[in-house]
N, C-alpha and C. Protein backbone atom coordinates (compact mmCIF):
# COMPACT_ATOMS: atom_id res chain seq x y z
N MET A 1 73.28 3.90 -13.93
CA MET A 1 72.22 3.19 -14.56
C MET A 1 71.27 2.65 -13.48
N ALA A 2 70.01 2.87 -13.69
CA ALA A 2 69.00 2.43 -12.69
C ALA A 2 69.02 0.89 -12.61
N GLU A 3 68.80 0.43 -11.42
CA GLU A 3 68.75 -1.03 -11.20
C GLU A 3 67.35 -1.48 -10.91
N ARG A 4 66.87 -2.42 -11.71
CA ARG A 4 65.52 -2.95 -11.55
C ARG A 4 65.32 -3.55 -10.13
N THR A 5 66.37 -4.13 -9.59
CA THR A 5 66.29 -4.72 -8.27
C THR A 5 66.10 -3.65 -7.17
N GLU A 6 66.44 -2.40 -7.48
CA GLU A 6 66.30 -1.29 -6.54
C GLU A 6 65.07 -0.46 -6.83
N ARG A 7 64.26 -0.91 -7.74
CA ARG A 7 63.01 -0.20 -8.12
C ARG A 7 62.17 0.08 -6.89
N LEU A 8 61.75 1.33 -6.72
CA LEU A 8 60.91 1.70 -5.59
C LEU A 8 59.49 1.07 -5.76
N PRO A 9 58.98 0.48 -4.71
CA PRO A 9 57.62 -0.13 -4.84
C PRO A 9 56.51 0.89 -5.05
N GLN A 10 56.78 2.16 -4.79
CA GLN A 10 55.79 3.21 -4.97
C GLN A 10 55.53 3.54 -6.46
N ASN A 11 56.41 3.12 -7.36
CA ASN A 11 56.22 3.34 -8.79
C ASN A 11 55.00 2.56 -9.27
N VAL A 12 54.27 3.14 -10.23
CA VAL A 12 53.18 2.38 -10.84
C VAL A 12 53.82 1.33 -11.74
N ALA A 13 53.11 0.27 -12.04
CA ALA A 13 53.58 -0.76 -12.92
C ALA A 13 53.84 -0.20 -14.35
N GLY A 14 54.84 -0.72 -14.94
CA GLY A 14 55.15 -0.31 -16.33
C GLY A 14 56.65 -0.17 -16.52
N PRO A 15 57.05 0.24 -17.74
CA PRO A 15 58.48 0.20 -18.10
C PRO A 15 59.32 1.27 -17.36
N TYR A 16 58.79 2.44 -17.12
CA TYR A 16 59.58 3.47 -16.46
C TYR A 16 59.45 3.31 -14.94
N TYR A 17 60.54 3.58 -14.25
CA TYR A 17 60.58 3.52 -12.79
C TYR A 17 61.71 4.35 -12.24
N VAL A 18 61.63 4.66 -10.95
CA VAL A 18 62.72 5.33 -10.21
C VAL A 18 63.24 4.32 -9.22
N ASP A 19 64.55 4.25 -9.07
CA ASP A 19 65.12 3.33 -8.08
C ASP A 19 65.56 4.04 -6.81
N SER A 20 66.10 3.32 -5.90
CA SER A 20 66.38 3.85 -4.52
C SER A 20 67.57 4.79 -4.45
N THR A 21 68.24 5.03 -5.59
CA THR A 21 69.37 5.99 -5.60
C THR A 21 68.94 7.41 -5.84
N CYS A 22 67.65 7.67 -5.99
CA CYS A 22 67.11 8.99 -6.21
C CYS A 22 67.56 9.96 -5.09
N ILE A 23 67.96 11.15 -5.45
CA ILE A 23 68.36 12.15 -4.47
C ILE A 23 67.32 13.27 -4.37
N ASP A 24 66.20 13.10 -4.97
CA ASP A 24 65.06 14.08 -4.88
C ASP A 24 65.49 15.44 -5.37
N CYS A 25 66.14 15.53 -6.53
CA CYS A 25 66.63 16.80 -7.06
C CYS A 25 65.57 17.57 -7.82
N ASP A 26 64.46 16.95 -8.14
CA ASP A 26 63.33 17.62 -8.84
C ASP A 26 63.49 17.67 -10.34
N MET A 27 64.58 17.21 -10.91
CA MET A 27 64.81 17.35 -12.33
C MET A 27 63.73 16.60 -13.13
N CYS A 28 63.42 15.36 -12.76
CA CYS A 28 62.43 14.58 -13.52
C CYS A 28 61.07 15.16 -13.38
N ARG A 29 60.71 15.66 -12.16
CA ARG A 29 59.40 16.26 -11.97
C ARG A 29 59.22 17.54 -12.75
N SER A 30 60.26 18.31 -12.91
CA SER A 30 60.14 19.52 -13.69
C SER A 30 60.19 19.26 -15.20
N THR A 31 60.87 18.15 -15.61
CA THR A 31 60.92 17.81 -17.02
C THR A 31 59.66 17.10 -17.51
N ALA A 32 59.18 16.16 -16.71
CA ALA A 32 58.03 15.34 -17.11
C ALA A 32 57.03 15.25 -15.94
N PRO A 33 56.37 16.34 -15.60
CA PRO A 33 55.47 16.38 -14.46
C PRO A 33 54.24 15.46 -14.62
N ASP A 34 53.89 15.10 -15.82
CA ASP A 34 52.78 14.21 -16.02
C ASP A 34 53.11 12.74 -15.69
N SER A 35 54.37 12.46 -15.52
CA SER A 35 54.81 11.08 -15.22
C SER A 35 55.45 10.91 -13.85
N PHE A 36 56.15 11.96 -13.39
CA PHE A 36 56.89 11.88 -12.15
C PHE A 36 56.31 12.82 -11.09
N ARG A 37 56.34 12.39 -9.84
CA ARG A 37 55.99 13.26 -8.72
C ARG A 37 56.75 12.81 -7.51
N ARG A 38 56.75 13.66 -6.51
CA ARG A 38 57.45 13.35 -5.25
C ARG A 38 56.54 12.55 -4.36
N ASP A 39 57.08 11.46 -3.81
CA ASP A 39 56.37 10.72 -2.76
C ASP A 39 56.80 11.32 -1.43
N GLU A 40 55.91 12.00 -0.77
CA GLU A 40 56.24 12.67 0.49
C GLU A 40 56.70 11.71 1.58
N GLU A 41 56.20 10.52 1.60
CA GLU A 41 56.55 9.57 2.64
C GLU A 41 58.00 9.12 2.57
N ILE A 42 58.50 8.94 1.38
CA ILE A 42 59.85 8.41 1.21
C ILE A 42 60.83 9.54 0.78
N GLY A 43 60.32 10.68 0.38
CA GLY A 43 61.18 11.82 0.03
C GLY A 43 61.94 11.62 -1.26
N MET A 44 61.36 10.91 -2.19
CA MET A 44 61.97 10.65 -3.50
C MET A 44 60.93 10.78 -4.61
N SER A 45 61.43 10.91 -5.78
CA SER A 45 60.52 10.94 -6.94
C SER A 45 60.09 9.50 -7.28
N ILE A 46 58.91 9.41 -7.86
CA ILE A 46 58.39 8.14 -8.32
C ILE A 46 57.69 8.34 -9.66
N VAL A 47 57.48 7.27 -10.38
CA VAL A 47 56.60 7.33 -11.58
C VAL A 47 55.18 7.05 -11.10
N TYR A 48 54.30 8.01 -11.29
CA TYR A 48 52.92 7.83 -10.87
C TYR A 48 52.02 7.61 -12.08
N HIS A 49 52.52 7.91 -13.26
CA HIS A 49 51.74 7.71 -14.49
C HIS A 49 52.74 7.32 -15.58
N GLN A 50 52.56 6.15 -16.15
CA GLN A 50 53.42 5.70 -17.24
C GLN A 50 53.12 6.58 -18.49
N PRO A 51 54.13 7.02 -19.20
CA PRO A 51 53.92 7.81 -20.39
C PRO A 51 53.19 7.01 -21.47
N VAL A 52 52.23 7.66 -22.10
CA VAL A 52 51.40 6.93 -23.11
C VAL A 52 51.59 7.61 -24.46
N THR A 53 51.40 8.92 -24.51
CA THR A 53 51.50 9.65 -25.78
C THR A 53 52.95 9.80 -26.19
N PRO A 54 53.17 10.01 -27.47
CA PRO A 54 54.55 10.25 -27.93
C PRO A 54 55.21 11.42 -27.16
N GLU A 55 54.46 12.47 -26.84
CA GLU A 55 55.00 13.60 -26.12
C GLU A 55 55.42 13.18 -24.69
N GLU A 56 54.50 12.46 -24.02
CA GLU A 56 54.84 11.97 -22.65
C GLU A 56 56.08 11.06 -22.71
N GLN A 57 56.16 10.20 -23.69
CA GLN A 57 57.25 9.26 -23.79
C GLN A 57 58.57 10.04 -24.01
N ALA A 58 58.52 11.06 -24.88
CA ALA A 58 59.73 11.87 -25.14
C ALA A 58 60.18 12.59 -23.89
N LEU A 59 59.24 13.14 -23.10
CA LEU A 59 59.61 13.85 -21.87
C LEU A 59 60.13 12.89 -20.82
N ALA A 60 59.54 11.74 -20.71
CA ALA A 60 60.01 10.72 -19.71
C ALA A 60 61.45 10.31 -20.12
N GLU A 61 61.69 10.10 -21.37
CA GLU A 61 63.03 9.73 -21.86
C GLU A 61 64.02 10.87 -21.60
N GLU A 62 63.58 12.07 -21.80
CA GLU A 62 64.45 13.27 -21.51
C GLU A 62 64.80 13.29 -20.02
N ALA A 63 63.82 13.04 -19.18
CA ALA A 63 64.04 12.97 -17.73
C ALA A 63 65.04 11.87 -17.38
N LYS A 64 64.87 10.73 -18.01
CA LYS A 64 65.77 9.60 -17.77
C LYS A 64 67.17 9.94 -18.16
N GLN A 65 67.35 10.51 -19.33
CA GLN A 65 68.68 10.87 -19.81
C GLN A 65 69.32 11.95 -18.98
N GLY A 66 68.52 12.88 -18.41
CA GLY A 66 69.07 14.00 -17.65
C GLY A 66 69.22 13.74 -16.15
N CYS A 67 68.78 12.57 -15.68
CA CYS A 67 68.87 12.26 -14.26
C CYS A 67 70.31 12.25 -13.79
N PRO A 68 70.70 13.12 -12.83
CA PRO A 68 72.11 13.17 -12.45
C PRO A 68 72.63 11.93 -11.73
N THR A 69 71.72 11.13 -11.16
CA THR A 69 72.17 9.92 -10.50
C THR A 69 71.78 8.65 -11.24
N GLU A 70 71.24 8.83 -12.44
CA GLU A 70 70.81 7.74 -13.31
C GLU A 70 69.86 6.80 -12.55
N SER A 71 68.94 7.42 -11.83
CA SER A 71 67.98 6.67 -10.99
C SER A 71 66.72 6.30 -11.73
N ILE A 72 66.55 6.76 -12.93
CA ILE A 72 65.33 6.47 -13.73
C ILE A 72 65.64 5.36 -14.70
N GLY A 73 64.84 4.33 -14.68
CA GLY A 73 65.00 3.21 -15.60
C GLY A 73 63.84 3.04 -16.50
N ASN A 74 64.09 2.35 -17.60
CA ASN A 74 63.10 1.92 -18.54
C ASN A 74 63.50 0.48 -18.81
N ASP A 75 62.69 -0.44 -18.31
CA ASP A 75 63.08 -1.87 -18.39
C ASP A 75 62.95 -2.49 -19.76
N GLY A 76 62.61 -1.66 -20.74
CA GLY A 76 62.62 -2.12 -22.11
C GLY A 76 61.31 -2.82 -22.57
N LEU A 77 60.32 -2.89 -21.74
CA LEU A 77 59.11 -3.53 -22.17
C LEU A 77 58.36 -2.69 -23.21
N MET A 78 58.67 -1.42 -23.24
CA MET A 78 58.06 -0.55 -24.23
C MET A 78 59.14 0.41 -24.76
N GLU A 79 59.22 0.52 -26.04
CA GLU A 79 60.17 1.44 -26.62
C GLU A 79 59.75 2.88 -26.35
N PRO A 80 60.64 3.74 -25.81
CA PRO A 80 60.22 5.05 -25.39
C PRO A 80 59.73 6.00 -26.50
N LYS A 81 60.27 5.90 -27.70
CA LYS A 81 59.85 6.85 -28.73
C LYS A 81 58.66 6.41 -29.52
N THR A 82 58.47 5.10 -29.72
CA THR A 82 57.41 4.65 -30.61
C THR A 82 56.24 4.05 -29.85
N GLY A 83 56.46 3.64 -28.63
CA GLY A 83 55.38 2.97 -27.90
C GLY A 83 55.12 1.54 -28.35
N SER A 84 55.94 1.07 -29.30
CA SER A 84 55.72 -0.33 -29.75
C SER A 84 56.51 -1.29 -28.87
N ARG A 85 56.04 -2.48 -28.81
CA ARG A 85 56.73 -3.48 -28.01
C ARG A 85 57.76 -4.20 -28.88
N PRO A 86 58.94 -4.46 -28.30
CA PRO A 86 59.99 -5.16 -29.05
C PRO A 86 59.58 -6.57 -29.40
N ALA A 87 60.13 -7.07 -30.46
CA ALA A 87 59.83 -8.45 -30.83
C ALA A 87 60.43 -9.43 -29.83
N GLN A 88 59.75 -10.48 -29.57
CA GLN A 88 60.25 -11.46 -28.63
C GLN A 88 61.25 -12.36 -29.41
N VAL A 89 62.37 -12.61 -28.77
CA VAL A 89 63.41 -13.48 -29.32
C VAL A 89 63.12 -14.88 -28.87
N GLN A 90 62.99 -15.78 -29.84
CA GLN A 90 62.73 -17.17 -29.50
C GLN A 90 63.94 -18.01 -29.81
N ASN A 91 64.22 -18.90 -28.92
CA ASN A 91 65.37 -19.78 -29.15
C ASN A 91 64.94 -20.97 -30.06
N PRO A 92 65.68 -21.20 -31.09
CA PRO A 92 65.30 -22.29 -31.99
C PRO A 92 65.47 -23.63 -31.24
N GLN A 93 64.59 -24.54 -31.55
CA GLN A 93 64.65 -25.89 -30.97
C GLN A 93 65.72 -26.69 -31.72
N ALA A 94 66.53 -27.40 -31.02
CA ALA A 94 67.61 -28.20 -31.69
C ALA A 94 67.11 -29.55 -32.07
């Protein structure tokens, strides 16, 4: 499972990211080339474009699920299939 604390700073801001456990296998880049690319300086994949369309979101999620090192994360700020934001949970005041 990807660790937010290990998120590579080269990723663009947003819910999807690659962490430092990436082995540069090319799986995510071949699955979702509109979202992932190789950063030549660090020799790892990064998210350079957050998925927006339902097709992009489905491909990014497929890349996440297929990552052999589980280096791709989705921090949950955006649901991958619908693009909708989850409801905020509020603690009731006592």
